[in-house]
Every structure is written in C-alpha cells, then in structure tokens.
C-alpha atoms as a PDB file:
ATOM      1  CA  MET A   1      46.245-102.863  60.831  1.00  0.00           C
ATOM      2  CA  MET A   2      43.070-103.633  58.758  1.00  0.00           C
ATOM      3  CA  ARG A   3      40.836-102.441  60.977  1.00  0.00           C
ATOM      4  CA  THR A   4      42.303 -99.358  61.191  1.00  0.00           C
ATOM      5  CA  SER A   5      42.422 -99.026  57.307  1.00  0.00           C
ATOM      6  CA  VAL A   6      38.506 -99.488  57.584  1.00  0.00           C
ATOM      7  CA  TYR A   7      38.025 -97.006  60.321  1.00  0.00           C
ATOM      8  CA  ARG A   8      39.904 -94.545  57.775  1.00  0.00           C
ATOM      9  CA  GLY A   9      38.086 -95.196  54.674  1.00  0.00           C
ATOM     10  CA  LEU A  10      34.296 -95.102  56.794  1.00  0.00           C
ATOM     11  CA  ARG A  11      35.333 -91.856  58.298  1.00  0.00           C
ATOM     12  CA  ALA A  12      36.791 -90.542  54.809  1.00  0.00           C
ATOM     13  CA  ALA A  13      33.257 -91.611  53.372  1.00  0.00           C
ATOM     14  CA  CYS A  14      31.225 -90.109  56.153  1.00  0.00           C
ATOM     15  CA  LEU A  15      32.951 -86.793  55.896  1.00  0.00           C
ATOM     16  CA  GLY A  16      32.339 -86.640  52.300  1.00  0.00           C
ATOM     17  CA  PHE A  17      28.633 -87.283  52.476  1.00  0.00           C
ATOM     18  CA  LEU A  18      28.538 -84.569  55.331  1.00  0.00           C
ATOM     19  CA  THR A  19      30.297 -82.032  52.547  1.00  0.00           C
ATOM     20  CA  ILE A  20      27.971 -83.138  50.061  1.00  0.00           C
ATOM     21  CA  GLY A  21      25.125 -82.345  52.474  1.00  0.00           C
ATOM     22  CA  ALA A  22      26.210 -79.041  53.419  1.00  0.00           C
ATOM     23  CA  ALA A  23      26.649 -78.313  50.097  1.00  0.00           C
ATOM     24  CA  ALA A  24      23.524 -78.868  48.950  1.00  0.00           C
ATOM     25  CA  ALA A  25      21.859 -77.350  52.206  1.00  0.00           C
ATOM     26  CA  ALA A  26      23.989 -74.084  51.428  1.00  0.00           C
ATOM     27  CA  ALA A  27      22.648 -73.971  47.633  1.00  0.00           C
ATOM     28  CA  PRO A  28      19.856 -71.639  46.661  1.00  0.00           C
ATOM     29  CA  ARG A  29      16.393 -73.185  46.569  1.00  0.00           C
ATOM     30  CA  PRO A  30      15.533 -72.903  42.863  1.00  0.00           C
ATOM     31  CA  VAL A  31      13.015 -70.006  42.128  1.00  0.00           C
ATOM     32  CA  ALA A  32       9.842 -70.965  40.213  1.00  0.00           C
ATOM     33  CA  PRO A  33       9.136 -69.196  37.308  1.00  0.00           C
ATOM     34  CA  PRO A  34       5.952 -67.230  37.644  1.00  0.00           C
ATOM     35  CA  VAL A  35       3.879 -69.490  35.245  1.00  0.00           C
ATOM     36  CA  VAL A  36       3.782 -72.472  37.922  1.00  0.00           C
ATOM     37  CA  GLY A  37       0.378 -72.990  39.627  1.00  0.00           C
ATOM     38  CA  ARG A  38      -3.236 -74.129  38.679  1.00  0.00           C
ATOM     39  CA  TRP A  39      -4.479 -72.308  35.922  1.00  0.00           C
ATOM     40  CA  ASP A  40      -8.737 -72.532  35.062  1.00  0.00           C
ATOM     41  CA  LEU A  41      -9.198 -72.269  31.180  1.00  0.00           C
ATOM     42  CA  THR A  42     -11.497 -71.479  28.660  1.00  0.00           C
ATOM     43  CA  VAL A  43     -11.568 -72.553  24.903  1.00  0.00           C
ATOM     44  CA  GLN A  44     -12.842 -71.078  22.217  1.00  0.00           C
ATOM     45  CA  ALA A  45     -14.396 -73.419  20.140  1.00  0.00           C
ATOM     46  CA  PRO A  46     -16.614 -72.956  16.670  1.00  0.00           C
ATOM     47  CA  GLU A  47     -19.131 -75.102  19.079  1.00  0.00           C
ATOM     48  CA  GLY A  48     -18.940 -72.908  21.813  1.00  0.00           C
ATOM     49  CA  ALA A  49     -16.764 -72.269  24.595  1.00  0.00           C
ATOM     50  CA  TYR A  50     -15.856 -75.003  26.895  1.00  0.00           C
ATOM     51  CA  PRO A  51     -13.895 -75.538  30.147  1.00  0.00           C
ATOM     52  CA  SER A  52      -9.948 -77.270  30.583  1.00  0.00           C
ATOM     53  CA  TRP A  53      -7.615 -76.826  33.334  1.00  0.00           C
ATOM     54  CA  LEU A  54      -3.499 -77.092  33.433  1.00  0.00           C
ATOM     55  CA  GLU A  55      -1.314 -77.371  36.299  1.00  0.00           C
ATOM     56  CA  VAL A  56       2.430 -76.518  35.858  1.00  0.00           C
ATOM     57  CA  LYS A  57       5.037 -77.933  38.462  1.00  0.00           C
ATOM     58  CA  LEU A  58       8.839 -76.947  38.840  1.00  0.00           C
ATOM     59  CA  SER A  59      10.829 -80.478  39.244  1.00  0.00           C
ATOM     60  CA  GLY A  60      14.009 -80.214  40.231  1.00  0.00           C
ATOM     61  CA  ARG A  61      16.182 -77.540  39.638  1.00  0.00           C
ATOM     62  CA  LYS A  62      15.018 -76.332  36.209  1.00  0.00           C
ATOM     63  CA  THR A  63      12.641 -78.695  34.408  1.00  0.00           C
ATOM     64  CA  LEU A  64       8.519 -77.717  34.498  1.00  0.00           C
ATOM     65  CA  VAL A  65       6.269 -80.712  34.229  1.00  0.00           C
ATOM     66  CA  GLY A  66       2.428 -80.521  34.474  1.00  0.00           C
ATOM     67  CA  SER A  67      -1.094 -82.124  34.455  1.00  0.00           C
ATOM     68  CA  PHE A  68      -4.004 -80.767  32.066  1.00  0.00           C
ATOM     69  CA  VAL A  69      -7.398 -82.050  31.667  1.00  0.00           C
ATOM     70  CA  SER A  70      -9.683 -81.056  28.311  1.00  0.00           C
ATOM     71  CA  LYS A  71     -13.108 -81.012  27.155  1.00  0.00           C
ATOM     72  CA  GLY A  72     -13.867 -84.415  28.147  1.00  0.00           C
ATOM     73  CA  GLY A  73     -11.676 -87.668  29.404  1.00  0.00           C
ATOM     74  CA  SER A  74      -9.321 -87.087  32.359  1.00  0.00           C
ATOM     75  CA  MET A  75      -6.473 -85.679  33.637  1.00  0.00           C
ATOM     76  CA  ARG A  76      -3.174 -86.680  32.036  1.00  0.00           C
ATOM     77  CA  PRO A  77       0.390 -85.742  32.721  1.00  0.00           C
ATOM     78  CA  ILE A  78       2.630 -83.491  30.900  1.00  0.00           C
ATOM     79  CA  SER A  79       6.200 -84.969  30.733  1.00  0.00           C
ATOM     80  CA  ARG A  80       7.947 -81.616  29.769  1.00  0.00           C
ATOM     81  CA  VAL A  81       6.818 -77.448  29.889  1.00  0.00           C
ATOM     82  CA  ASP A  82       8.828 -75.721  27.970  1.00  0.00           C
ATOM     83  CA  TYR A  83       9.044 -71.599  29.467  1.00  0.00           C
ATOM     84  CA  SER A  84      11.065 -68.926  28.489  1.00  0.00           C
ATOM     85  CA  ARG A  85      10.304 -64.853  28.257  1.00  0.00           C
ATOM     86  CA  GLY A  86       6.766 -65.226  29.280  1.00  0.00           C
ATOM     87  CA  ARG A  87       5.834 -67.994  26.590  1.00  0.00           C
ATOM     88  CA  LEU A  88       5.109 -71.694  27.139  1.00  0.00           C
ATOM     89  CA  GLN A  89       4.949 -74.863  25.105  1.00  0.00           C
ATOM     90  CA  PHE A  90       3.919 -78.372  25.499  1.00  0.00           C
ATOM     91  CA  SER A  91       2.401 -81.103  23.557  1.00  0.00           C
ATOM     92  CA  LEU A  92       0.438 -84.258  24.392  1.00  0.00           C
ATOM     93  CA  PRO A  93      -0.320 -87.470  23.032  1.00  0.00           C
ATOM     94  CA  VAL A  94      -4.453 -88.132  22.108  1.00  0.00           C
ATOM     95  CA  GLN A  95      -6.336 -89.188  24.793  1.00  0.00           C
ATOM     96  CA  TRP A  96     -10.061 -89.385  23.619  1.00  0.00           C
ATOM     97  CA  GLU A  97      -9.453 -87.111  20.734  1.00  0.00           C
ATOM     98  CA  ARG A  98      -9.676 -88.439  17.080  1.00  0.00           C
ATOM     99  CA  GLY A  99      -7.143 -87.535  14.902  1.00  0.00           C
ATOM    100  CA  PRO A 100      -3.231 -88.649  13.989  1.00  0.00           C
ATOM    101  CA  ARG A 101      -1.296 -85.747  15.630  1.00  0.00           C
ATOM    102  CA  ASP A 102      -0.215 -85.152  19.394  1.00  0.00           C
ATOM    103  CA  LEU A 103      -1.815 -82.060  20.658  1.00  0.00           C
ATOM    104  CA  GLN A 104       0.192 -79.122  20.383  1.00  0.00           C
ATOM    105  CA  PHE A 105       0.225 -76.076  22.891  1.00  0.00           C
ATOM    106  CA  THR A 106       1.441 -72.578  23.064  1.00  0.00           C
ATOM    107  CA  GLY A 107       1.138 -69.693  25.181  1.00  0.00           C
ATOM    108  CA  ARG A 108       1.831 -66.569  26.655  1.00  0.00           C
ATOM    109  CA  LEU A 109       1.886 -65.497  30.396  1.00  0.00           C
ATOM    110  CA  GLN A 110       1.187 -61.550  30.680  1.00  0.00           C
ATOM    111  CA  GLY A 111      -0.620 -59.950  33.251  1.00  0.00           C
ATOM    112  CA  GLY A 112      -1.111 -62.498  35.504  1.00  0.00           C
ATOM    113  CA  ARG A 113      -3.434 -63.972  32.649  1.00  0.00           C
ATOM    114  CA  LEU A 114      -2.692 -66.782  30.276  1.00  0.00           C
ATOM    115  CA  THR A 115      -3.295 -66.420  26.667  1.00  0.00           C
ATOM    116  CA  GLY A 116      -2.778 -69.086  23.781  1.00  0.00           C
ATOM    117  CA  SER A 117      -3.555 -71.926  21.417  1.00  0.00           C
ATOM    118  CA  THR A 118      -4.463 -75.381  20.765  1.00  0.00           C
ATOM    119  CA  THR A 119      -3.498 -77.439  17.832  1.00  0.00           C
ATOM    120  CA  THR A 120      -5.742 -80.547  17.541  1.00  0.00           C
ATOM    121  CA  ALA A 121      -4.993 -83.835  16.737  1.00  0.00           C
ATOM    122  CA  ASP A 122      -7.213 -83.651  13.509  1.00  0.00           C
ATOM    123  CA  GLY A 123      -5.381 -79.884  12.780  1.00  0.00           C
ATOM    124  CA  LYS A 124      -7.645 -77.518  14.033  1.00  0.00           C
ATOM    125  CA  ARG A 125      -6.670 -74.780  16.065  1.00  0.00           C
ATOM    126  CA  TYR A 126      -8.615 -73.217  19.051  1.00  0.00           C
ATOM    127  CA  THR A 127      -7.438 -70.314  21.101  1.00  0.00           C
ATOM    128  CA  TRP A 128      -7.823 -70.096  25.032  1.00  0.00           C
ATOM    129  CA  THR A 129      -7.020 -67.747  27.862  1.00  0.00           C
ATOM    130  CA  GLY A 130      -6.201 -69.040  31.520  1.00  0.00           C
ATOM    131  CA  VAL A 131      -6.873 -67.422  34.875  1.00  0.00           C
ATOM    132  CA  ARG A 132      -5.210 -68.991  38.320  1.00  0.00           C
ATOM    133  CA  ALA A 133      -7.203 -71.083  40.309  1.00  0.00           C
ATOM    134  CA  PRO A 134      -8.218 -70.053  43.453  1.00  0.00           C
ATOM    135  CA  ASP A 135      -7.085 -72.105  46.202  1.00  0.00           C
ATOM    136  CA  LEU A 136     -10.611 -72.140  47.981  1.00  0.00           C
ATOM    137  CA  ARG A 137      -9.131 -72.132  51.328  1.00  0.00           C
ATOM    138  CA  ARG A 138     -11.472 -72.036  53.789  1.00  0.00           C
ATOM    139  CA  THR A 139     -10.799 -70.672  57.723  1.00  0.00           C
ATOM    140  CA  GLU A 140     -13.672 -71.842  59.326  1.00  0.00           C
ATOM    141  CA  GLU A 141     -15.353 -74.965  59.952  1.00  0.00           C
ATOM    142  CA  PRO A 142     -18.666 -75.364  58.427  1.00  0.00           C
ATOM    143  CA  ASP A 143     -21.799 -74.283  59.728  1.00  0.00           C
ATOM    144  CA  TRP A 144     -24.497 -76.570  58.356  1.00  0.00           C
ATOM    145  CA  GLY A 145     -27.893 -75.733  57.616  1.00  0.00           C
ATOM    146  CA  ASP A 146     -31.378 -77.261  56.716  1.00  0.00           C
ATOM    147  CA  PRO A 147     -31.087 -80.446  54.194  1.00  0.00           C
ATOM    148  CA  ILE A 148     -33.013 -79.548  50.964  1.00  0.00           C
ATOM    149  CA  GLU A 149     -34.627 -82.573  49.008  1.00  0.00           C
ATOM    150  CA  LEU A 150     -33.388 -82.328  45.308  1.00  0.00           C
ATOM    151  CA  PHE A 151     -35.718 -84.529  44.232  1.00  0.00           C
ATOM    152  CA  ASN A 152     -39.575 -84.810  45.395  1.00  0.00           C
ATOM    153  CA  GLY A 153     -40.283 -87.817  43.777  1.00  0.00           C
ATOM    154  CA  LYS A 154     -42.970 -86.845  41.785  1.00  0.00           C
ATOM    155  CA  ASP A 155     -41.519 -84.591  38.831  1.00  0.00           C
ATOM    156  CA  LEU A 156     -38.406 -82.870  37.943  1.00  0.00           C
ATOM    157  CA  SER A 157     -39.191 -79.727  39.801  1.00  0.00           C
ATOM    158  CA  GLY A 158     -36.074 -77.864  40.088  1.00  0.00           C
ATOM    159  CA  TRP A 159     -34.159 -79.793  37.387  1.00  0.00           C
ATOM    160  CA  LYS A 160     -33.336 -78.723  33.742  1.00  0.00           C
ATOM    161  CA  PRO A 161     -31.215 -80.683  30.708  1.00  0.00           C
ATOM    162  CA  GLN A 162     -27.927 -79.275  30.453  1.00  0.00           C
ATOM    163  CA  PHE A 163     -28.333 -79.510  26.846  1.00  0.00           C
ATOM    164  CA  SER A 164     -31.160 -77.818  24.584  1.00  0.00           C
ATOM    165  CA  GLY A 165     -30.085 -79.253  21.315  1.00  0.00           C
ATOM    166  CA  LYS A 166     -30.376 -82.919  22.861  1.00  0.00           C
ATOM    167  CA  PRO A 167     -33.439 -85.300  24.037  1.00  0.00           C
ATOM    168  CA  ASN A 168     -33.797 -85.437  27.591  1.00  0.00           C
ATOM    169  CA  GLY A 169     -34.309 -89.004  28.671  1.00  0.00           C
ATOM    170  CA  TRP A 170     -34.577 -88.106  32.407  1.00  0.00           C
ATOM    171  CA  VAL A 171     -38.097 -89.411  33.734  1.00  0.00           C
ATOM    172  CA  VAL A 172     -39.902 -89.849  37.025  1.00  0.00           C
ATOM    173  CA  LYS A 173     -41.686 -93.416  37.214  1.00  0.00           C
ATOM    174  CA  GLY A 174     -42.835 -95.188  40.028  1.00  0.00           C
ATOM    175  CA  GLY A 175     -41.418 -92.459  42.395  1.00  0.00           C
ATOM    176  CA  LEU A 176     -38.087 -92.962  40.781  1.00  0.00           C
ATOM    177  CA  LEU A 177     -35.569 -90.509  39.047  1.00  0.00           C
ATOM    178  CA  GLN A 178     -34.904 -92.475  35.561  1.00  0.00           C
ATOM    179  CA  ASN A 179     -32.289 -91.750  33.032  1.00  0.00           C
ATOM    180  CA  ALA A 180     -34.404 -94.011  30.885  1.00  0.00           C
ATOM    181  CA  LYS A 181     -32.983 -92.696  27.442  1.00  0.00           C
ATOM    182  CA  PRO A 182     -28.898 -91.984  27.760  1.00  0.00           C
ATOM    183  CA  GLY A 183     -28.326 -88.591  26.046  1.00  0.00           C
ATOM    184  CA  ASN A 184     -28.184 -85.672  28.070  1.00  0.00           C
ATOM    185  CA  ASN A 185     -27.577 -84.617  31.183  1.00  0.00           C
ATOM    186  CA  LEU A 186     -29.389 -83.172  34.399  1.00  0.00           C
ATOM    187  CA  MET A 187     -28.851 -80.479  36.469  1.00  0.00           C
ATOM    188  CA  THR A 188     -29.908 -78.675  39.190  1.00  0.00           C
ATOM    189  CA  ASN A 189     -31.552 -75.157  38.855  1.00  0.00           C
ATOM    190  CA  ARG A 190     -30.128 -73.660  42.058  1.00  0.00           C
ATOM    191  CA  GLN A 191     -26.374 -73.658  42.866  1.00  0.00           C
ATOM    192  CA  TRP A 192     -24.679 -74.108  45.740  1.00  0.00           C
ATOM    193  CA  THR A 193     -20.783 -73.634  46.970  1.00  0.00           C
ATOM    194  CA  ASP A 194     -20.329 -76.233  50.035  1.00  0.00           C
ATOM    195  CA  PHE A 195     -22.495 -78.823  51.088  1.00  0.00           C
ATOM    196  CA  LYS A 196     -23.148 -82.645  52.083  1.00  0.00           C
ATOM    197  CA  LEU A 197     -24.620 -84.670  49.448  1.00  0.00           C
ATOM    198  CA  HIS A 198     -26.859 -88.001  50.121  1.00  0.00           C
ATOM    199  CA  ALA A 199     -27.882 -90.002  47.183  1.00  0.00           C
ATOM    200  CA  GLU A 200     -29.394 -92.866  46.457  1.00  0.00           C
ATOM    201  CA  PHE A 201     -28.776 -94.924  43.216  1.00  0.00           C
ATOM    202  CA  ARG A 202     -28.891 -98.474  41.400  1.00  0.00           C
ATOM    203  CA  TYR A 203     -27.912 -99.057  37.785  1.00  0.00           C
ATOM    204  CA  PRO A 204     -28.154-102.341  35.479  1.00  0.00           C
ATOM    205  CA  LYS A 205     -24.950-104.413  34.383  1.00  0.00           C
ATOM    206  CA  GLY A 206     -22.315-102.296  32.428  1.00  0.00           C
ATOM    207  CA  SER A 207     -23.842 -98.809  33.295  1.00  0.00           C
ATOM    208  CA  ASN A 208     -22.045 -95.830  33.792  1.00  0.00           C
ATOM    209  CA  SER A 209     -23.097 -92.372  35.201  1.00  0.00           C
ATOM    210  CA  GLY A 210     -21.707 -89.930  37.498  1.00  0.00           C
ATOM    211  CA  ILE A 211     -22.223 -86.991  39.915  1.00  0.00           C
ATOM    212  CA  TYR A 212     -20.423 -83.667  39.179  1.00  0.00           C
ATOM    213  CA  LEU A 213     -20.035 -81.501  42.306  1.00  0.00           C
ATOM    214  CA  ARG A 214     -20.793 -77.725  41.660  1.00  0.00           C
ATOM    215  CA  GLY A 215     -21.070 -79.153  38.129  1.00  0.00           C
ATOM    216  CA  ARG A 216     -17.288 -79.201  38.258  1.00  0.00           C
ATOM    217  CA  TYR A 217     -15.983 -82.503  39.795  1.00  0.00           C
ATOM    218  CA  GLU A 218     -17.625 -85.554  38.985  1.00  0.00           C
ATOM    219  CA  ALA A 219     -17.908 -88.459  41.546  1.00  0.00           C
ATOM    220  CA  GLN A 220     -17.909 -91.754  39.390  1.00  0.00           C
ATOM    221  CA  ILE A 221     -20.443 -93.869  39.289  1.00  0.00           C
ATOM    222  CA  GLU A 222     -19.960 -97.258  37.109  1.00  0.00           C
ATOM    223  CA  ASP A 223     -20.418-100.720  37.332  1.00  0.00           C
ATOM    224  CA  ASN A 224     -17.180-101.557  38.367  1.00  0.00           C
ATOM    225  CA  TYR A 225     -18.280-104.486  40.913  1.00  0.00           C
ATOM    226  CA  GLY A 226     -15.098-106.751  42.533  1.00  0.00           C
ATOM    227  CA  LYS A 227     -12.409-104.774  40.410  1.00  0.00           C
ATOM    228  CA  PRO A 228      -9.484-103.126  42.191  1.00  0.00           C
ATOM    229  CA  PRO A 229      -9.932 -99.470  43.118  1.00  0.00           C
ATOM    230  CA  GLU A 230      -9.035 -96.717  40.474  1.00  0.00           C
ATOM    231  CA  SER A 231      -9.470 -93.126  40.111  1.00  0.00           C
ATOM    232  CA  HIS A 232     -11.589 -93.860  37.017  1.00  0.00           C
ATOM    233  CA  GLN A 233     -13.868 -95.884  38.797  1.00  0.00           C
ATOM    234  CA  ILE A 234     -16.975 -95.725  41.300  1.00  0.00           C
ATOM    235  CA  GLY A 235     -16.021 -93.748  44.685  1.00  0.00           C
ATOM    236  CA  GLY A 236     -12.808 -92.000  42.721  1.00  0.00           C
ATOM    237  CA  ILE A 237     -13.179 -88.423  41.849  1.00  0.00           C
ATOM    238  CA  TYR A 238     -12.673 -88.999  38.422  1.00  0.00           C
ATOM    239  CA  GLY A 239      -9.165 -89.128  37.102  1.00  0.00           C
ATOM    240  CA  PHE A 240      -7.635 -87.155  40.226  1.00  0.00           C
ATOM    241  CA  LEU A 241      -8.671 -89.185  43.479  1.00  0.00           C
ATOM    242  CA  THR A 242      -8.598 -92.972  44.146  1.00  0.00           C
ATOM    243  CA  PRO A 243     -10.750 -94.777  46.439  1.00  0.00           C
ATOM    244  CA  ARG A 244      -9.091 -96.738  49.014  1.00  0.00           C
ATOM    245  CA  ILE A 245     -11.110 -99.523  48.786  1.00  0.00           C
ATOM    246  CA  ASN A 246     -13.882-100.735  46.280  1.00  0.00           C
ATOM    247  CA  ALA A 247     -17.315-100.532  48.362  1.00  0.00           C
ATOM    248  CA  ALA A 248     -19.332-101.133  44.854  1.00  0.00           C
ATOM    249  CA  LYS A 249     -22.508-103.379  45.176  1.00  0.00           C
ATOM    250  CA  ARG A 250     -23.490-105.567  42.705  1.00  0.00           C
ATOM    251  CA  PRO A 251     -25.284-103.902  39.615  1.00  0.00           C
ATOM    252  CA  GLY A 252     -29.054-103.995  40.395  1.00  0.00           C
ATOM    253  CA  GLU A 253     -28.468-103.029  44.117  1.00  0.00           C
ATOM    254  CA  TRP A 254     -29.795 -99.935  45.432  1.00  0.00           C
ATOM    255  CA  GLN A 255     -26.056 -98.311  46.553  1.00  0.00           C
ATOM    256  CA  THR A 256     -25.670 -94.649  48.528  1.00  0.00           C
ATOM    257  CA  TYR A 257     -23.069 -91.908  48.277  1.00  0.00           C
ATOM    258  CA  ASP A 258     -22.632 -89.546  51.239  1.00  0.00           C
ATOM    259  CA  ILE A 259     -19.996 -86.782  49.571  1.00  0.00           C
ATOM    260  CA  THR A 260     -19.407 -83.405  51.735  1.00  0.00           C
ATOM    261  CA  LEU A 261     -17.371 -80.983  49.498  1.00  0.00           C
ATOM    262  CA  VAL A 262     -15.566 -77.902  51.225  1.00  0.00           C
ATOM    263  CA  GLY A 263     -13.571 -75.920  49.224  1.00  0.00           C
ATOM    264  CA  ARG A 264     -11.315 -78.174  47.638  1.00  0.00           C
ATOM    265  CA  TYR A 265     -11.807 -80.879  49.753  1.00  0.00           C
ATOM    266  CA  VAL A 266     -13.920 -83.707  49.669  1.00  0.00           C
ATOM    267  CA  THR A 267     -14.876 -86.935  51.946  1.00  0.00           C
ATOM    268  CA  VAL A 268     -16.667 -89.512  49.737  1.00  0.00           C
ATOM    269  CA  VAL A 269     -18.764 -92.639  51.341  1.00  0.00           C
ATOM    270  CA  LEU A 270     -19.674 -95.375  49.573  1.00  0.00           C
ATOM    271  CA  ASN A 271     -22.519 -97.497  50.869  1.00  0.00           C
ATOM    272  CA  GLY A 272     -21.372 -96.692  54.375  1.00  0.00           C
ATOM    273  CA  GLU A 273     -17.835 -97.346  53.696  1.00  0.00           C
ATOM    274  CA  PRO A 274     -15.299 -94.153  53.714  1.00  0.00           C
ATOM    275  CA  VAL A 275     -13.508 -94.484  50.545  1.00  0.00           C
ATOM    276  CA  ILE A 276     -11.742 -90.966  50.162  1.00  0.00           C
ATOM    277  CA  GLU A 277     -11.329 -88.765  53.081  1.00  0.00           C
ATOM    278  CA  ARG A 278     -10.954 -84.907  53.159  1.00  0.00           C
ATOM    279  CA  GLN A 279      -8.533 -85.087  50.081  1.00  0.00           C
ATOM    280  CA  GLU A 280      -7.848 -82.014  47.880  1.00  0.00           C
ATOM    281  CA  ILE A 281      -9.512 -82.093  44.258  1.00  0.00           C
ATOM    282  CA  PRO A 282      -7.112 -80.130  42.428  1.00  0.00           C
ATOM    283  CA  GLY A 283      -9.288 -79.119  39.304  1.00  0.00           C
ATOM    284  CA  ILE A 284     -12.102 -79.472  37.342  1.00  0.00           C
ATOM    285  CA  THR A 285     -12.478 -83.035  35.818  1.00  0.00           C
ATOM    286  CA  GLY A 286     -13.666 -84.043  32.093  1.00  0.00           C
ATOM    287  CA  GLY A 287     -16.862 -82.809  31.144  1.00  0.00           C
ATOM    288  CA  ALA A 288     -17.022 -80.063  33.879  1.00  0.00           C
ATOM    289  CA  LEU A 289     -19.875 -77.340  32.859  1.00  0.00           C
ATOM    290  CA  ASP A 290     -17.353 -74.545  33.749  1.00  0.00           C
ATOM    291  CA  SER A 291     -13.744 -73.490  34.919  1.00  0.00           C
ATOM    292  CA  ARG A 292     -14.946 -71.148  37.222  1.00  0.00           C
ATOM    293  CA  GLU A 293     -13.919 -72.615  40.458  1.00  0.00           C
ATOM    294  CA  GLY A 294     -14.090 -69.822  42.701  1.00  0.00           C
ATOM    295  CA  GLU A 295     -18.126 -69.481  42.036  1.00  0.00           C
ATOM    296  CA  PRO A 296     -21.033 -71.753  43.168  1.00  0.00           C
ATOM    297  CA  GLY A 297     -22.019 -74.591  40.909  1.00  0.00           C
ATOM    298  CA  PRO A 298     -25.486 -76.962  40.943  1.00  0.00           C
ATOM    299  CA  ILE A 299     -25.646 -80.714  41.007  1.00  0.00           C
ATOM    300  CA  LEU A 300     -25.390 -82.526  37.673  1.00  0.00           C
ATOM    301  CA  LEU A 301     -26.208 -85.937  36.895  1.00  0.00           C
ATOM    302  CA  GLN A 302     -24.181 -87.282  34.045  1.00  0.00           C
ATOM    303  CA  GLY A 303     -26.883 -88.819  31.672  1.00  0.00           C
ATOM    304  CA  ASP A 304     -25.156 -89.319  28.122  1.00  0.00           C
ATOM    305  CA  HIS A 305     -23.402 -92.412  29.271  1.00  0.00           C
ATOM    306  CA  GLY A 306     -26.059 -95.585  30.660  1.00  0.00           C
ATOM    307  CA  PRO A 307     -29.011 -95.520  32.254  1.00  0.00           C
ATOM    308  CA  ILE A 308     -29.432 -95.232  36.218  1.00  0.00           C
ATOM    309  CA  ASP A 309     -32.005 -94.907  38.837  1.00  0.00           C
ATOM    310  CA  PHE A 310     -32.275 -92.340  41.914  1.00  0.00           C
ATOM    311  CA  ARG A 311     -34.843 -92.587  44.651  1.00  0.00           C
ATOM    312  CA  GLN A 312     -33.042 -89.812  46.895  1.00  0.00           C
ATOM    313  CA  ILE A 313     -30.916 -86.908  46.439  1.00  0.00           C
ATOM    314  CA  THR A 314     -30.361 -84.668  49.782  1.00  0.00           C
ATOM    315  CA  LEU A 315     -28.399 -81.928  49.665  1.00  0.00           C
ATOM    316  CA  THR A 316     -27.319 -80.079  52.882  1.00  0.00           C
ATOM    317  CA  PRO A 317     -25.975 -76.716  52.335  1.00  0.00           C
ATOM    318  CA  THR A 318     -23.559 -74.266  54.652  1.00  0.00           C
ATOM    319  CA  ARG A 319     -25.814 -71.387  56.072  1.00  0.00           C
END
C-alpha cells in the first residue's frame, strides 16, 4: 500500500513538472527593447571629448542590466537600467572618480542613436552621444603579410607622444625603448586593423604599463609575479578578460607577449604560455584613444604609470 502511494505521489510530481515545463516552453520569448546592445559613446567635456562604452542586456523577462566603461578605470557592472518610451536612466557608484555622489546617467534613443548626459561625482554635467558598436565579425581566415619592426633600436622614428601638453619621458638608450620618466603615452604613427604583435619587455619591481591594441584594448603589463590571475593584471585584457594562469616572470626579467587580434577576438600568449585563447573583447577599455571601434588604430604604449623597457616590437598585419 505504501509503495502504491509513493508511486502515485512521484507520478503526480512528474506530471506537475512536465506541465510547468510545457507552459514555460509555450510562453512567448521576451522581446528585447531596442536599447539592448553595445554602444560606443563619445563624451563632451571642457577639456575635450573622450571615449566611453555602454552595454545593455535583458535579464529575464523585463529587467535590464548592463556594463559601463568610463574615461579611465575598468568595466563596471550596472545593476539596473531603467528604459521606457525611448528614455533610459541608470546610476553607478564611483570607481576612481573623486566626489561624494553616485554617477547619474540619462539618455534618449532616437533614430538608432543615443544622446544623453552624465552628472559626475562632483556634480558636473557632461553630454554624450552613442552609436551601436560594430560586431567586427570576419568571414574569412586572415591572410598575414610581412612583419614590420615598429622599433628600430636607434630612435623614436614611427612613434609620437599621445599628449602634446605633457612631457615625453620615452627615450632610446643602449638599443632599448625606455619610459625613463613616466608621464606620457607613446603611439605609432601608422594604424592597423587585424594583426599579430610580438613584444619583448621588462619592468622594475612594482611597475605598471600596458599595450593598447588599435589604441582601444589594453593588454595589461604589471608586476604581478606569483599572484592569482585576474583581468586587471598581467596577461589580461584590462577589466574584461582574465588569463587562465599567471605566466609572469619576476620583475627585471625579460618577458614576451604574442598577441593576435582579429576583429574582436584576441589570443594572448605570455612568455610562451597561452593565457587567453580566441576570446571576444566586448568593448574599449579605460584609457582608450577613442571609441571608433570600426576603424583601424595604432599600437599605444602606456607611459603614464610606471617605467618599462622594450627591446623588440614586431607587428604582422593582414594583407
């Protein structure tokens, strides 16, 4: 008798689960509002325009969440994005900004473009515009061209400082490209789209630098020897992609990066160890030159943080 009761109970439970599953399968899929997606932003500030980035996602049936990248710092999550009748609104706690208030964002979607304003942590108001970020999908395998030596070992030919109003501490000494006095970034005159990059570098204890791919996506360089892997540390695409292991050497030792960038997909090999393998970079990282992701861009060496030496920088572009 007891076995019969148990059987009937299990049968009823199974039928209940099947009914719920059938109802869920029959329910219409939520329709994502048009603001969902990735957006390349340009912010107008008194000191000049700077790039930013926004992603809005549908979580469940109707809740919108997101991610945001500002002028500096790294990607930060947005717990809730309010959107109704073409207008969006969200707020963010401070990251590296100075001020007592959360950042406040309001915007409007019209004609496929976003326009809006940000109230900063110290109460200033900046306006911005946004366009949909390109997917950068490639339909064919890359056809690699001939390698280009970006550093000739003699001088700064082919390079220029990013900021004209800041001292340039980059010098060539003993066949090495050195950031002797940190304060300015260094970037190539030429620009590329898809490429393979080989760089040999070393840094002293506690230093921090980075290589910006197309001037927009930072491959982090930092003295993190022996620490657990993390997206903000060496081997990571800053704030977005975490290396599977920390393959860093001790400070003062020569190290190598071999990075392949095709569209949005990146492979990073640090000191001969694959640490990121064909992963998508969602958007620009903090400190990017601009947010024009569909355009070619330079190689940019971060020089405003700490000292670093390079002895070889070789780029192989697609034809």
